[in-house]
Amino acid sequence: MSIDKPTALFFGSFNPIHIGHLCVAEYLVEFGGMDEVWFVVSPLNPLKDKATLLSDYARYEMAQEAIGQDTRFRVSDIEFHLARPSYTIDTLAHLSEKYPGRQFILTGGTDLLVSFHKWKNYEQILEHYKLLLYPRHGSDDHPLTKHSSVTLIDAPRIEISASFIRGAIKNKKSVRYFLPDAVYRLIDKYGYYL
C-alpha cells in the first residue's frame, strides 16, 4: 500500500487547547505540506505535573469543540485506550499499524527537544519517524534541530502557553481572545481552572 497522506500528530495535554495550537495546525496544513493534523490528547504526560490537569474527557471535549467541523483536523483519544503512562513511541507504533496508508509525522515546538532524550526509545522515534517542529523561544538552537529526521518550519511564533491561560483564569483575568469561542464557553460554563 502506498503512503500518500502525510499526517501531523500534535501530541499534548491541551489543558486547555488555545488559539496558538490551532494557528500551528492551520500552518501545517496550509504551508507545511500536511494532509491533516491530528490532535492527540494525552491522558498523562510522565514528565508533567498532573495537579492542574483537567480530566481526560474534559480536555478531549474542549479539543473537539475547538476544531468544530474543520475536516483538516481530527482529535484522537487513542492514548486513553493504551497502557499508562502513555509513551509516544507506543502510540506511533499503534497508529502506524492501524492506519498503514498514512505517513505519521510528529509535530510540536522546538522546546520538546529539551527533554526529548528522556522519552522512551527516543532513538527509535528519530530512526523511524520525521519530526516537524515550530519555533519556541529559547530552544531553536538545540543540537537535535540538526538531526536528519528533524525539520524546522517557519511558522509564526505565537508565545501563548496553556499554563499562562490557567494562571490568568485562576486570577480572574480575561483570556477570551486567547481561546476559541467554543472552548472559552466550556471553561466558563464549568468553572475550569478557578
C-alpha atoms as a PDB file:
ATOM      1  CA  MET A   1       0.000   0.000   0.000  1.00  0.00           C
ATOM      2  CA  SER A   2       1.356   3.405  -0.927  1.00  0.00           C
ATOM      3  CA  ILE A   3       1.644   6.002   1.780  1.00  0.00           C
ATOM      4  CA  ASP A   4       0.300   9.277   0.470  1.00  0.00           C
ATOM      5  CA  LYS A   5      -1.328  11.036   3.382  1.00  0.00           C
ATOM      6  CA  PRO A   6       1.213  12.964   5.452  1.00  0.00           C
ATOM      7  CA  THR A   7      -0.483  13.382   8.810  1.00  0.00           C
ATOM      8  CA  ALA A   8       0.921  15.535  11.583  1.00  0.00           C
ATOM      9  CA  LEU A   9       0.419  14.155  15.067  1.00  0.00           C
ATOM     10  CA  PHE A  10       0.201  17.045  17.503  1.00  0.00           C
ATOM     11  CA  PHE A  11       0.554  15.461  20.951  1.00  0.00           C
ATOM     12  CA  GLY A  12      -0.338  17.426  24.028  1.00  0.00           C
ATOM     13  CA  SER A  13      -2.248  17.779  27.234  1.00  0.00           C
ATOM     14  CA  PHE A  14      -4.294  20.579  25.622  1.00  0.00           C
ATOM     15  CA  ASN A  15      -5.023  21.873  29.099  1.00  0.00           C
ATOM     16  CA  PRO A  16      -6.631  23.900  27.554  1.00  0.00           C
ATOM     17  CA  ILE A  17      -6.316  23.902  23.766  1.00  0.00           C
ATOM     18  CA  HIS A  18      -5.851  27.525  22.638  1.00  0.00           C
ATOM     19  CA  ILE A  19      -5.511  29.624  19.504  1.00  0.00           C
ATOM     20  CA  GLY A  20      -1.753  29.051  19.379  1.00  0.00           C
ATOM     21  CA  HIS A  21      -2.346  25.321  18.865  1.00  0.00           C
ATOM     22  CA  LEU A  22      -4.878  25.997  16.110  1.00  0.00           C
ATOM     23  CA  CYS A  23      -2.647  28.525  14.349  1.00  0.00           C
ATOM     24  CA  VAL A  24       0.175  25.968  14.225  1.00  0.00           C
ATOM     25  CA  ALA A  25      -2.198  23.264  12.956  1.00  0.00           C
ATOM     26  CA  GLU A  26      -3.501  25.519  10.203  1.00  0.00           C
ATOM     27  CA  TYR A  27       0.047  26.452   9.215  1.00  0.00           C
ATOM     28  CA  LEU A  28       0.995  22.759   8.967  1.00  0.00           C
ATOM     29  CA  VAL A  29      -1.867  22.042   6.565  1.00  0.00           C
ATOM     30  CA  GLU A  30      -1.719  25.216   4.509  1.00  0.00           C
ATOM     31  CA  PHE A  31       2.052  25.760   4.346  1.00  0.00           C
ATOM     32  CA  GLY A  32       3.720  22.627   5.760  1.00  0.00           C
ATOM     33  CA  GLY A  33       2.522  20.004   3.300  1.00  0.00           C
ATOM     34  CA  MET A  34       0.351  18.059   5.745  1.00  0.00           C
ATOM     35  CA  ASP A  35      -2.848  16.350   4.623  1.00  0.00           C
ATOM     36  CA  GLU A  36      -4.326  16.511   8.138  1.00  0.00           C
ATOM     37  CA  VAL A  37      -3.372  17.367  11.688  1.00  0.00           C
ATOM     38  CA  TRP A  38      -4.471  15.036  14.460  1.00  0.00           C
ATOM     39  CA  PHE A  39      -4.581  16.448  17.975  1.00  0.00           C
ATOM     40  CA  VAL A  40      -3.600  13.512  20.199  1.00  0.00           C
ATOM     41  CA  VAL A  41      -4.895  14.307  23.679  1.00  0.00           C
ATOM     42  CA  SER A  42      -2.514  12.785  26.213  1.00  0.00           C
ATOM     43  CA  PRO A  43      -4.064  11.355  29.381  1.00  0.00           C
ATOM     44  CA  LEU A  44      -0.961  11.900  31.498  1.00  0.00           C
ATOM     45  CA  ASN A  45       2.453  13.067  30.397  1.00  0.00           C
ATOM     46  CA  PRO A  46       5.012  11.229  32.556  1.00  0.00           C
ATOM     47  CA  LEU A  47       7.182  14.369  32.501  1.00  0.00           C
ATOM     48  CA  LYS A  48       4.496  16.842  33.631  1.00  0.00           C
ATOM     49  CA  ASP A  49       2.793  17.712  36.894  1.00  0.00           C
ATOM     50  CA  LYS A  50      -0.768  16.371  36.968  1.00  0.00           C
ATOM     51  CA  ALA A  51      -2.035  18.653  39.752  1.00  0.00           C
ATOM     52  CA  THR A  52      -3.650  21.154  37.348  1.00  0.00           C
ATOM     53  CA  LEU A  53      -4.683  18.612  34.713  1.00  0.00           C
ATOM     54  CA  LEU A  54      -8.386  18.501  33.877  1.00  0.00           C
ATOM     55  CA  SER A  55      -9.967  15.093  33.281  1.00  0.00           C
ATOM     56  CA  ASP A  56      -9.148  13.321  30.030  1.00  0.00           C
ATOM     57  CA  TYR A  57     -12.620  13.774  28.623  1.00  0.00           C
ATOM     58  CA  ALA A  58     -12.911  17.450  29.609  1.00  0.00           C
ATOM     59  CA  ARG A  59      -9.757  18.188  27.602  1.00  0.00           C
ATOM     60  CA  TYR A  60     -10.920  15.943  24.759  1.00  0.00           C
ATOM     61  CA  GLU A  61     -14.260  17.773  24.642  1.00  0.00           C
ATOM     62  CA  MET A  62     -12.526  21.154  24.533  1.00  0.00           C
ATOM     63  CA  ALA A  63     -10.331  19.978  21.640  1.00  0.00           C
ATOM     64  CA  GLN A  64     -13.372  18.666  19.750  1.00  0.00           C
ATOM     65  CA  GLU A  65     -15.178  21.956  20.271  1.00  0.00           C
ATOM     66  CA  ALA A  66     -12.092  23.881  19.151  1.00  0.00           C
ATOM     67  CA  ILE A  67     -11.854  22.176  15.752  1.00  0.00           C
ATOM     68  CA  GLY A  68     -15.609  22.038  15.174  1.00  0.00           C
ATOM     69  CA  GLN A  69     -16.410  20.782  11.672  1.00  0.00           C
ATOM     70  CA  ASP A  70     -12.976  21.545  10.179  1.00  0.00           C
ATOM     71  CA  THR A  71     -12.157  18.394   8.198  1.00  0.00           C
ATOM     72  CA  ARG A  72      -8.440  19.232   8.078  1.00  0.00           C
ATOM     73  CA  PHE A  73      -8.230  18.384  11.767  1.00  0.00           C
ATOM     74  CA  ARG A  74      -9.081  15.412  13.944  1.00  0.00           C
ATOM     75  CA  VAL A  75      -8.987  14.875  17.707  1.00  0.00           C
ATOM     76  CA  SER A  76      -7.719  11.489  18.827  1.00  0.00           C
ATOM     77  CA  ASP A  77      -8.293   9.809  22.178  1.00  0.00           C
ATOM     78  CA  ILE A  78      -6.093   6.846  21.209  1.00  0.00           C
ATOM     79  CA  GLU A  79      -3.873   7.251  24.263  1.00  0.00           C
ATOM     80  CA  PHE A  80      -6.868   6.926  26.580  1.00  0.00           C
ATOM     81  CA  HIS A  81      -7.077   3.282  25.471  1.00  0.00           C
ATOM     82  CA  LEU A  82      -3.392   2.348  25.612  1.00  0.00           C
ATOM     83  CA  ALA A  83      -1.312   1.321  28.621  1.00  0.00           C
ATOM     84  CA  ARG A  84      -0.442   4.120  31.016  1.00  0.00           C
ATOM     85  CA  PRO A  85       1.643   6.073  31.350  1.00  0.00           C
ATOM     86  CA  SER A  86       1.417   6.737  27.631  1.00  0.00           C
ATOM     87  CA  TYR A  87       4.608   6.865  25.617  1.00  0.00           C
ATOM     88  CA  THR A  88       4.863   8.498  22.199  1.00  0.00           C
ATOM     89  CA  ILE A  89       6.767   5.577  20.658  1.00  0.00           C
ATOM     90  CA  ASP A  90       3.954   3.164  21.581  1.00  0.00           C
ATOM     91  CA  THR A  91       1.281   5.480  20.219  1.00  0.00           C
ATOM     92  CA  LEU A  92       3.197   5.981  16.971  1.00  0.00           C
ATOM     93  CA  ALA A  93       3.588   2.219  16.518  1.00  0.00           C
ATOM     94  CA  HIS A  94      -0.110   1.624  17.230  1.00  0.00           C
ATOM     95  CA  LEU A  95      -1.301   4.316  14.817  1.00  0.00           C
ATOM     96  CA  SER A  96       1.128   3.244  12.078  1.00  0.00           C
ATOM     97  CA  GLU A  97      -0.237  -0.292  12.276  1.00  0.00           C
ATOM     98  CA  LYS A  98      -3.870   0.835  12.357  1.00  0.00           C
ATOM     99  CA  TYR A  99      -3.547   3.366   9.508  1.00  0.00           C
ATOM    100  CA  PRO A 100      -0.952   1.956   7.069  1.00  0.00           C
ATOM    101  CA  GLY A 101      -1.925   4.446   4.353  1.00  0.00           C
ATOM    102  CA  ARG A 102      -0.752   7.408   6.398  1.00  0.00           C
ATOM    103  CA  GLN A 103       2.707   8.783   6.964  1.00  0.00           C
ATOM    104  CA  PHE A 104       2.665   9.968  10.561  1.00  0.00           C
ATOM    105  CA  ILE A 105       4.896  12.903  11.404  1.00  0.00           C
ATOM    106  CA  LEU A 106       5.451  14.064  14.952  1.00  0.00           C
ATOM    107  CA  THR A 107       4.924  17.788  15.406  1.00  0.00           C
ATOM    108  CA  GLY A 108       5.441  20.187  18.273  1.00  0.00           C
ATOM    109  CA  GLY A 109       7.540  23.100  19.408  1.00  0.00           C
ATOM    110  CA  THR A 110      11.325  23.056  19.438  1.00  0.00           C
ATOM    111  CA  ASP A 111      11.053  23.154  23.238  1.00  0.00           C
ATOM    112  CA  LEU A 112      10.163  19.444  23.216  1.00  0.00           C
ATOM    113  CA  LEU A 113      13.786  18.743  22.248  1.00  0.00           C
ATOM    114  CA  VAL A 114      14.977  19.891  25.679  1.00  0.00           C
ATOM    115  CA  SER A 115      13.577  16.730  27.307  1.00  0.00           C
ATOM    116  CA  PHE A 116      13.482  14.523  24.212  1.00  0.00           C
ATOM    117  CA  HIS A 117      16.391  12.378  25.441  1.00  0.00           C
ATOM    118  CA  LYS A 118      14.156  11.336  28.371  1.00  0.00           C
ATOM    119  CA  TRP A 119      11.423   9.961  26.096  1.00  0.00           C
ATOM    120  CA  LYS A 120      11.050   6.204  25.921  1.00  0.00           C
ATOM    121  CA  ASN A 121      13.061   4.858  22.945  1.00  0.00           C
ATOM    122  CA  TYR A 122      13.617   8.340  21.555  1.00  0.00           C
ATOM    123  CA  GLU A 123      16.311   6.969  19.224  1.00  0.00           C
ATOM    124  CA  GLN A 124      13.687   4.762  17.538  1.00  0.00           C
ATOM    125  CA  ILE A 125      11.426   7.769  17.039  1.00  0.00           C
ATOM    126  CA  LEU A 126      14.263   9.586  15.274  1.00  0.00           C
ATOM    127  CA  GLU A 127      15.066   6.492  13.208  1.00  0.00           C
ATOM    128  CA  HIS A 128      11.546   5.685  12.022  1.00  0.00           C
ATOM    129  CA  TYR A 129       9.617   8.971  12.084  1.00  0.00           C
ATOM    130  CA  LYS A 130      10.032  12.551  10.969  1.00  0.00           C
ATOM    131  CA  LEU A 131       9.672  15.488  13.361  1.00  0.00           C
ATOM    132  CA  LEU A 132       8.239  18.743  12.063  1.00  0.00           C
ATOM    133  CA  LEU A 133       8.902  21.427  14.662  1.00  0.00           C
ATOM    134  CA  TYR A 134       7.825  25.029  15.014  1.00  0.00           C
ATOM    135  CA  PRO A 135       9.916  27.662  16.822  1.00  0.00           C
ATOM    136  CA  ARG A 136       9.581  28.173  20.559  1.00  0.00           C
ATOM    137  CA  HIS A 137      11.548  30.803  22.446  1.00  0.00           C
ATOM    138  CA  GLY A 138      14.930  29.674  23.768  1.00  0.00           C
ATOM    139  CA  SER A 139      15.125  26.267  22.109  1.00  0.00           C
ATOM    140  CA  ASP A 140      15.660  26.938  18.397  1.00  0.00           C
ATOM    141  CA  ASP A 141      19.389  26.152  18.604  1.00  0.00           C
ATOM    142  CA  HIS A 142      19.135  22.743  20.311  1.00  0.00           C
ATOM    143  CA  PRO A 143      21.642  20.263  18.784  1.00  0.00           C
ATOM    144  CA  LEU A 144      18.829  17.922  17.693  1.00  0.00           C
ATOM    145  CA  THR A 145      17.460  20.590  15.353  1.00  0.00           C
ATOM    146  CA  LYS A 146      20.297  19.496  13.010  1.00  0.00           C
ATOM    147  CA  HIS A 147      19.240  15.808  13.047  1.00  0.00           C
ATOM    148  CA  SER A 148      18.265  14.421   9.627  1.00  0.00           C
ATOM    149  CA  SER A 149      14.801  13.441  10.920  1.00  0.00           C
ATOM    150  CA  VAL A 150      14.052  16.941  12.219  1.00  0.00           C
ATOM    151  CA  THR A 151      12.649  19.691  10.013  1.00  0.00           C
ATOM    152  CA  LEU A 152      12.084  23.191  11.320  1.00  0.00           C
ATOM    153  CA  ILE A 153       9.153  25.067   9.875  1.00  0.00           C
ATOM    154  CA  ASP A 154       8.892  28.808   9.648  1.00  0.00           C
ATOM    155  CA  ALA A 155       5.546  29.040  11.411  1.00  0.00           C
ATOM    156  CA  PRO A 156       4.726  32.349  13.079  1.00  0.00           C
ATOM    157  CA  ARG A 157       5.995  32.414  16.646  1.00  0.00           C
ATOM    158  CA  ILE A 158       2.998  32.534  18.970  1.00  0.00           C
ATOM    159  CA  GLU A 159       4.102  32.635  22.579  1.00  0.00           C
ATOM    160  CA  ILE A 160       0.882  31.564  24.277  1.00  0.00           C
ATOM    161  CA  SER A 161       1.001  28.793  26.842  1.00  0.00           C
ATOM    162  CA  ALA A 162      -1.745  26.792  28.495  1.00  0.00           C
ATOM    163  CA  SER A 163      -0.102  27.412  31.883  1.00  0.00           C
ATOM    164  CA  PHE A 164      -0.387  31.182  31.314  1.00  0.00           C
ATOM    165  CA  ILE A 165      -4.073  30.769  30.460  1.00  0.00           C
ATOM    166  CA  ARG A 166      -4.743  28.606  33.536  1.00  0.00           C
ATOM    167  CA  GLY A 167      -2.983  31.117  35.782  1.00  0.00           C
ATOM    168  CA  ALA A 168      -4.869  34.031  34.287  1.00  0.00           C
ATOM    169  CA  ILE A 169      -8.224  32.298  34.787  1.00  0.00           C
ATOM    170  CA  LYS A 170      -7.324  31.441  38.378  1.00  0.00           C
ATOM    171  CA  ASN A 171      -6.544  35.127  38.949  1.00  0.00           C
ATOM    172  CA  LYS A 172      -9.833  36.138  37.326  1.00  0.00           C
ATOM    173  CA  LYS A 173      -8.243  37.775  34.280  1.00  0.00           C
ATOM    174  CA  SER A 174      -9.951  37.662  30.897  1.00  0.00           C
ATOM    175  CA  VAL A 175      -8.415  35.318  28.320  1.00  0.00           C
ATOM    176  CA  ARG A 176     -11.376  35.322  25.945  1.00  0.00           C
ATOM    177  CA  TYR A 177      -9.293  36.071  22.848  1.00  0.00           C
ATOM    178  CA  PHE A 178      -6.610  33.511  23.682  1.00  0.00           C
ATOM    179  CA  LEU A 179      -9.147  30.711  23.208  1.00  0.00           C
ATOM    180  CA  PRO A 180     -11.552  29.548  20.507  1.00  0.00           C
ATOM    181  CA  ASP A 181     -15.052  30.788  21.377  1.00  0.00           C
ATOM    182  CA  ALA A 182     -16.405  27.284  22.000  1.00  0.00           C
ATOM    183  CA  VAL A 183     -13.543  26.478  24.391  1.00  0.00           C
ATOM    184  CA  TYR A 184     -13.996  29.755  26.230  1.00  0.00           C
ATOM    185  CA  ARG A 185     -17.681  28.958  26.691  1.00  0.00           C
ATOM    186  CA  LEU A 186     -16.928  25.470  28.090  1.00  0.00           C
ATOM    187  CA  ILE A 187     -14.363  26.820  30.551  1.00  0.00           C
ATOM    188  CA  ASP A 188     -16.785  29.499  31.665  1.00  0.00           C
ATOM    189  CA  LYS A 189     -19.716  27.084  31.910  1.00  0.00           C
ATOM    190  CA  TYR A 190     -17.900  24.538  34.079  1.00  0.00           C
ATOM    191  CA  GLY A 191     -15.660  26.905  36.007  1.00  0.00           C
ATOM    192  CA  TYR A 192     -12.496  25.163  34.864  1.00  0.00           C
ATOM    193  CA  TYR A 193      -9.158  26.349  36.302  1.00  0.00           C
ATOM    194  CA  LEU A 194     -10.685  28.565  39.013  1.00  0.00           C
END
